[in-house]
Amino acid sequence: MHHDNPAHFGIRTADFKLIFYYGQPENDSSLGQLTMPWKKGESYKIEPTPAAWEFYDLRTDPREMHNEYTNPKYADTIRELKAELRRQREALHETDEGRPHIQWVIDSNW
């Protein structure tokens, strides 16, 4: 079931949260289908959304109001979290190698 949230995965520590929005449906057969057909007038067609990263410093921004992904101050932390996110996805067999359209977006934006 789709709730109008772009497809994503991420990692959270006590201090930081890193999210990658890859924005692709699991398979192409859902493209063009309505997201919430039971909500008259509030449903949209499923379409891919642009890939994007979000990063929050939960110590200074616990409400996650300021995306700090492009802030050079956090470059090392983001690099470490990306490496840990990759390790965890592999350890949990949560990679998208079987979904080449998703894997391409991940590889292109990592």
N, C-alpha and C. Protein backbone atom coordinates (compact mmCIF):
# COMPACT_ATOMS: atom_id res chain seq x y z
N MET A 1 0.84 -1.17 0.00
CA MET A 1 0.00 0.00 0.00
C MET A 1 0.90 1.24 0.00
N HIS A 2 0.56 2.20 -0.78
CA HIS A 2 1.33 3.42 -0.94
C HIS A 2 0.64 4.55 -0.19
N HIS A 3 1.39 5.34 0.54
CA HIS A 3 0.80 6.44 1.29
C HIS A 3 1.41 7.77 0.90
N ASP A 4 1.76 7.91 -0.35
CA ASP A 4 2.30 9.15 -0.90
C ASP A 4 3.62 9.57 -0.26
N ASN A 5 4.37 8.63 0.25
CA ASN A 5 5.73 8.89 0.74
C ASN A 5 6.69 8.27 -0.25
N PRO A 6 7.69 9.02 -0.70
CA PRO A 6 8.66 8.43 -1.62
C PRO A 6 9.35 7.23 -0.97
N ALA A 7 9.63 6.22 -1.77
CA ALA A 7 10.33 5.04 -1.26
C ALA A 7 11.69 5.46 -0.71
N HIS A 8 12.06 4.89 0.44
CA HIS A 8 13.29 5.31 1.09
C HIS A 8 13.80 4.24 2.05
N PHE A 9 15.03 4.43 2.49
CA PHE A 9 15.61 3.67 3.59
C PHE A 9 16.59 4.58 4.29
N GLY A 10 17.00 4.20 5.49
CA GLY A 10 17.90 5.07 6.22
C GLY A 10 18.49 4.41 7.43
N ILE A 11 19.21 5.21 8.20
CA ILE A 11 19.86 4.74 9.41
C ILE A 11 19.77 5.85 10.44
N ARG A 12 19.60 5.43 11.70
CA ARG A 12 19.49 6.40 12.79
C ARG A 12 20.40 5.95 13.93
N THR A 13 21.09 6.90 14.50
CA THR A 13 21.85 6.67 15.72
C THR A 13 21.23 7.55 16.80
N ALA A 14 21.81 7.55 17.98
CA ALA A 14 21.30 8.42 19.04
C ALA A 14 21.44 9.90 18.66
N ASP A 15 22.43 10.20 17.80
CA ASP A 15 22.73 11.60 17.48
C ASP A 15 22.34 12.05 16.08
N PHE A 16 22.22 11.11 15.12
CA PHE A 16 22.04 11.48 13.72
C PHE A 16 21.01 10.60 13.03
N LYS A 17 20.45 11.14 11.96
CA LYS A 17 19.56 10.36 11.09
C LYS A 17 19.93 10.67 9.64
N LEU A 18 20.11 9.62 8.85
CA LEU A 18 20.43 9.74 7.43
C LEU A 18 19.39 8.94 6.65
N ILE A 19 18.76 9.58 5.68
CA ILE A 19 17.70 8.94 4.90
C ILE A 19 18.00 9.12 3.42
N PHE A 20 17.82 8.03 2.66
CA PHE A 20 17.94 8.11 1.21
C PHE A 20 16.58 7.82 0.59
N TYR A 21 16.06 8.79 -0.14
CA TYR A 21 14.80 8.64 -0.87
C TYR A 21 15.15 8.23 -2.29
N TYR A 22 14.91 6.97 -2.62
CA TYR A 22 15.20 6.52 -3.99
C TYR A 22 13.98 6.67 -4.88
N GLY A 23 12.81 6.79 -4.32
CA GLY A 23 11.62 7.21 -5.02
C GLY A 23 11.15 6.36 -6.18
N GLN A 24 11.44 5.07 -6.15
CA GLN A 24 11.01 4.19 -7.24
C GLN A 24 10.02 3.16 -6.71
N PRO A 25 8.98 2.84 -7.48
CA PRO A 25 8.09 1.77 -7.04
C PRO A 25 8.83 0.43 -7.10
N GLU A 26 8.35 -0.52 -6.33
CA GLU A 26 9.02 -1.82 -6.29
C GLU A 26 9.10 -2.47 -7.67
N ASN A 27 8.04 -2.31 -8.44
CA ASN A 27 8.06 -2.83 -9.81
C ASN A 27 7.30 -1.88 -10.73
N ASP A 28 7.60 -1.97 -11.98
CA ASP A 28 7.01 -1.06 -12.96
C ASP A 28 5.50 -1.26 -13.13
N SER A 29 4.97 -2.40 -12.71
CA SER A 29 3.54 -2.65 -12.91
C SER A 29 2.67 -1.71 -12.07
N SER A 30 3.24 -1.11 -11.02
CA SER A 30 2.44 -0.20 -10.20
C SER A 30 2.45 1.23 -10.74
N LEU A 31 3.30 1.53 -11.70
CA LEU A 31 3.33 2.87 -12.27
C LEU A 31 1.98 3.23 -12.87
N GLY A 32 1.53 4.42 -12.56
CA GLY A 32 0.25 4.89 -13.09
C GLY A 32 -0.96 4.49 -12.26
N GLN A 33 -0.80 3.54 -11.33
CA GLN A 33 -1.92 3.16 -10.47
C GLN A 33 -2.15 4.27 -9.45
N LEU A 34 -3.35 4.32 -8.91
CA LEU A 34 -3.66 5.33 -7.91
C LEU A 34 -3.07 4.95 -6.56
N THR A 35 -2.55 5.94 -5.85
CA THR A 35 -1.89 5.68 -4.57
C THR A 35 -2.89 5.29 -3.48
N MET A 36 -3.99 6.01 -3.40
CA MET A 36 -5.00 5.74 -2.36
C MET A 36 -6.38 5.83 -2.99
N PRO A 37 -6.77 4.82 -3.75
CA PRO A 37 -8.03 4.92 -4.49
C PRO A 37 -9.26 5.05 -3.60
N TRP A 38 -9.17 4.68 -2.34
CA TRP A 38 -10.32 4.80 -1.43
C TRP A 38 -10.57 6.25 -1.01
N LYS A 39 -9.60 7.14 -1.23
CA LYS A 39 -9.76 8.55 -0.87
C LYS A 39 -10.13 9.34 -2.12
N LYS A 40 -11.37 9.59 -2.28
CA LYS A 40 -11.85 10.31 -3.46
C LYS A 40 -11.22 11.71 -3.54
N GLY A 41 -10.60 12.01 -4.65
CA GLY A 41 -10.02 13.32 -4.87
C GLY A 41 -8.68 13.55 -4.21
N GLU A 42 -8.19 12.58 -3.44
CA GLU A 42 -6.92 12.75 -2.74
C GLU A 42 -5.87 11.73 -3.20
N SER A 43 -6.17 11.00 -4.24
CA SER A 43 -5.27 9.96 -4.71
C SER A 43 -4.50 10.46 -5.93
N TYR A 44 -3.26 10.04 -6.03
CA TYR A 44 -2.41 10.44 -7.14
C TYR A 44 -1.86 9.20 -7.82
N LYS A 45 -1.48 9.36 -9.06
CA LYS A 45 -0.88 8.24 -9.77
C LYS A 45 0.55 8.00 -9.26
N ILE A 46 0.89 6.74 -9.12
CA ILE A 46 2.24 6.38 -8.68
C ILE A 46 3.22 6.68 -9.80
N GLU A 47 4.16 7.53 -9.48
CA GLU A 47 5.22 7.91 -10.40
C GLU A 47 6.53 7.93 -9.63
N PRO A 48 7.64 7.73 -10.30
CA PRO A 48 8.92 7.86 -9.60
C PRO A 48 9.11 9.30 -9.13
N THR A 49 9.82 9.46 -8.03
CA THR A 49 10.17 10.79 -7.54
C THR A 49 11.69 10.93 -7.58
N PRO A 50 12.18 12.15 -7.62
CA PRO A 50 13.63 12.35 -7.68
C PRO A 50 14.33 11.78 -6.44
N ALA A 51 15.51 11.25 -6.64
CA ALA A 51 16.31 10.76 -5.52
C ALA A 51 16.79 11.94 -4.69
N ALA A 52 16.88 11.73 -3.38
CA ALA A 52 17.33 12.80 -2.48
C ALA A 52 17.83 12.21 -1.17
N TRP A 53 18.75 12.93 -0.55
CA TRP A 53 19.28 12.57 0.77
C TRP A 53 18.81 13.58 1.79
N GLU A 54 18.57 13.11 3.01
CA GLU A 54 18.32 13.99 4.15
C GLU A 54 19.22 13.54 5.29
N PHE A 55 19.74 14.50 6.01
CA PHE A 55 20.59 14.22 7.17
C PHE A 55 20.23 15.21 8.28
N TYR A 56 20.02 14.68 9.48
CA TYR A 56 19.65 15.53 10.61
C TYR A 56 20.58 15.26 11.78
N ASP A 57 21.00 16.34 12.43
CA ASP A 57 21.74 16.27 13.68
C ASP A 57 20.70 16.34 14.78
N LEU A 58 20.38 15.21 15.35
CA LEU A 58 19.30 15.14 16.33
C LEU A 58 19.65 15.81 17.65
N ARG A 59 20.91 16.08 17.87
CA ARG A 59 21.33 16.78 19.09
C ARG A 59 20.92 18.25 19.03
N THR A 60 21.08 18.85 17.86
CA THR A 60 20.77 20.28 17.71
C THR A 60 19.43 20.52 17.03
N ASP A 61 18.88 19.49 16.41
CA ASP A 61 17.64 19.63 15.65
C ASP A 61 16.75 18.39 15.86
N PRO A 62 16.27 18.18 17.09
CA PRO A 62 15.50 16.96 17.38
C PRO A 62 14.18 16.86 16.61
N ARG A 63 13.68 17.96 16.09
CA ARG A 63 12.42 17.94 15.33
C ARG A 63 12.66 17.72 13.83
N GLU A 64 13.92 17.59 13.46
CA GLU A 64 14.31 17.32 12.06
C GLU A 64 13.76 18.38 11.11
N MET A 65 14.05 19.62 11.41
CA MET A 65 13.56 20.73 10.61
C MET A 65 14.58 21.24 9.60
N HIS A 66 15.86 20.91 9.80
CA HIS A 66 16.92 21.45 8.93
C HIS A 66 17.76 20.31 8.35
N ASN A 67 17.59 20.08 7.08
CA ASN A 67 18.36 19.06 6.38
C ASN A 67 19.80 19.57 6.23
N GLU A 68 20.73 18.88 6.87
CA GLU A 68 22.14 19.30 6.87
C GLU A 68 22.99 18.46 5.91
N TYR A 69 22.36 17.79 4.97
CA TYR A 69 23.11 16.88 4.10
C TYR A 69 24.23 17.58 3.34
N THR A 70 24.05 18.80 2.91
CA THR A 70 25.08 19.49 2.13
C THR A 70 26.03 20.32 3.00
N ASN A 71 25.86 20.27 4.30
CA ASN A 71 26.71 21.04 5.20
C ASN A 71 28.07 20.35 5.33
N PRO A 72 29.16 20.99 4.90
CA PRO A 72 30.49 20.37 4.96
C PRO A 72 30.90 19.94 6.37
N LYS A 73 30.34 20.58 7.36
CA LYS A 73 30.64 20.23 8.76
C LYS A 73 30.35 18.76 9.05
N TYR A 74 29.39 18.17 8.33
CA TYR A 74 28.96 16.81 8.60
C TYR A 74 29.48 15.79 7.58
N ALA A 75 30.35 16.19 6.68
CA ALA A 75 30.79 15.31 5.59
C ALA A 75 31.35 13.99 6.10
N ASP A 76 32.20 14.01 7.12
CA ASP A 76 32.79 12.77 7.64
C ASP A 76 31.73 11.89 8.29
N THR A 77 30.83 12.50 9.05
CA THR A 77 29.76 11.74 9.70
C THR A 77 28.86 11.08 8.66
N ILE A 78 28.51 11.82 7.63
CA ILE A 78 27.65 11.28 6.57
C ILE A 78 28.35 10.14 5.85
N ARG A 79 29.63 10.29 5.56
CA ARG A 79 30.39 9.23 4.91
C ARG A 79 30.38 7.95 5.77
N GLU A 80 30.59 8.10 7.07
CA GLU A 80 30.58 6.96 7.99
C GLU A 80 29.19 6.31 8.07
N LEU A 81 28.15 7.13 8.13
CA LEU A 81 26.79 6.58 8.18
C LEU A 81 26.42 5.86 6.89
N LYS A 82 26.85 6.40 5.75
CA LYS A 82 26.59 5.72 4.48
C LYS A 82 27.27 4.35 4.46
N ALA A 83 28.49 4.29 4.94
CA ALA A 83 29.22 3.01 4.97
C ALA A 83 28.49 2.02 5.89
N GLU A 84 28.05 2.49 7.04
CA GLU A 84 27.33 1.62 7.97
C GLU A 84 25.98 1.20 7.39
N LEU A 85 25.30 2.11 6.73
CA LEU A 85 24.02 1.79 6.09
C LEU A 85 24.22 0.71 5.03
N ARG A 86 25.25 0.82 4.23
CA ARG A 86 25.54 -0.19 3.22
C ARG A 86 25.82 -1.54 3.88
N ARG A 87 26.63 -1.53 4.94
CA ARG A 87 26.95 -2.79 5.65
C ARG A 87 25.69 -3.44 6.20
N GLN A 88 24.84 -2.64 6.82
CA GLN A 88 23.62 -3.20 7.41
C GLN A 88 22.66 -3.73 6.35
N ARG A 89 22.53 -3.02 5.26
CA ARG A 89 21.64 -3.50 4.19
C ARG A 89 22.14 -4.84 3.64
N GLU A 90 23.45 -4.96 3.47
CA GLU A 90 24.02 -6.22 2.98
C GLU A 90 23.84 -7.33 4.02
N ALA A 91 24.10 -7.05 5.29
CA ALA A 91 23.97 -8.05 6.34
C ALA A 91 22.53 -8.54 6.47
N LEU A 92 21.58 -7.66 6.23
CA LEU A 92 20.15 -8.01 6.33
C LEU A 92 19.56 -8.48 5.01
N HIS A 93 20.40 -8.61 4.00
CA HIS A 93 19.95 -9.02 2.65
C HIS A 93 18.85 -8.08 2.14
N GLU A 94 19.06 -6.79 2.36
CA GLU A 94 18.12 -5.76 1.94
C GLU A 94 18.66 -4.94 0.77
N THR A 95 19.48 -5.55 -0.05
CA THR A 95 19.98 -4.84 -1.22
C THR A 95 18.94 -4.93 -2.33
N ASP A 96 19.14 -4.15 -3.36
CA ASP A 96 18.18 -4.13 -4.46
C ASP A 96 18.79 -4.67 -5.76
N GLU A 97 19.70 -5.61 -5.62
CA GLU A 97 20.32 -6.20 -6.81
C GLU A 97 19.29 -6.87 -7.71
N GLY A 98 18.21 -7.38 -7.14
CA GLY A 98 17.15 -8.01 -7.93
C GLY A 98 16.18 -7.02 -8.55
N ARG A 99 16.36 -5.76 -8.25
CA ARG A 99 15.52 -4.69 -8.81
C ARG A 99 16.45 -3.68 -9.48
N PRO A 100 16.89 -3.97 -10.70
CA PRO A 100 17.90 -3.12 -11.33
C PRO A 100 17.51 -1.65 -11.46
N HIS A 101 16.22 -1.36 -11.63
CA HIS A 101 15.81 0.04 -11.76
C HIS A 101 16.02 0.79 -10.44
N ILE A 102 15.89 0.11 -9.31
CA ILE A 102 16.15 0.73 -8.01
C ILE A 102 17.65 0.78 -7.75
N GLN A 103 18.34 -0.31 -8.04
CA GLN A 103 19.78 -0.35 -7.80
C GLN A 103 20.50 0.73 -8.60
N TRP A 104 20.03 1.00 -9.81
CA TRP A 104 20.65 2.05 -10.64
C TRP A 104 20.54 3.41 -9.94
N VAL A 105 19.36 3.71 -9.38
CA VAL A 105 19.16 4.98 -8.69
C VAL A 105 20.08 5.07 -7.47
N ILE A 106 20.18 3.98 -6.71
CA ILE A 106 21.05 3.96 -5.54
C ILE A 106 22.50 4.19 -5.97
N ASP A 107 22.97 3.42 -6.93
CA ASP A 107 24.36 3.55 -7.38
C ASP A 107 24.66 4.95 -7.94
N SER A 108 23.71 5.52 -8.63
CA SER A 108 23.90 6.84 -9.25
C SER A 108 23.91 7.98 -8.25
N ASN A 109 23.36 7.75 -7.08
CA ASN A 109 23.21 8.83 -6.10
C ASN A 109 23.94 8.57 -4.79
N TRP A 110 24.70 7.49 -4.71
CA TRP A 110 25.38 7.18 -3.47
C TRP A 110 26.55 8.10 -3.30
